[in-house]
Amino acid sequence: MNEADTSRTLVSAAFAGREHRFQLRLGEMAELERLCGAGIGAIFMRLGTHQFTHRDIWDTIRLGLEGGGMGSIEASATVMRYQDEPLMDYLPLAGQIVSAAVNGVPKGKAEAEGESQADPATSRSSSEPGRSRAFRRKR
């Protein structure tokens, strides 16, 4: 049996003064849901609408570190050092971790290379406004 490709839910981000890997796999996601008393979708919505609890942020980051490969004791100790700081400083990271678990992350590192990751539905059209491809060919 082949191992599952989980790279689509893996986030690399700065935390605690260095770059870390964060990932909520099924086990971490189930634990986060249990600790927060809500499903992953509700946690995602609470983070996005600023209706979060401290557990939504700190447990997401801690479990994300564990899912990214850090040991549980080290992850707990790392997160505990920052728990007296304002939650808003860490909301974007928690949101990014949960978003990756729910939506996945774009393949490749196009953003880091300067390419746009815009949604095709909202990207600028390559055709002139109001003119179809057929119209342009007739000219």
Foldseek 3Di string as FASTA:
>chain_A
DDDDDLQQLWDWDDALHGIAIFACDPVLQVVLCVVQVHHLVVLLVCLVVVVHDLSSQLSLQLSRRVVRPDDNVVSVVRSVVCSVDDSVVRSVVSNSNSCCHVPTHDPDDCVVVPHDPDDPVPDDDPDDPPDDPVRVVVD
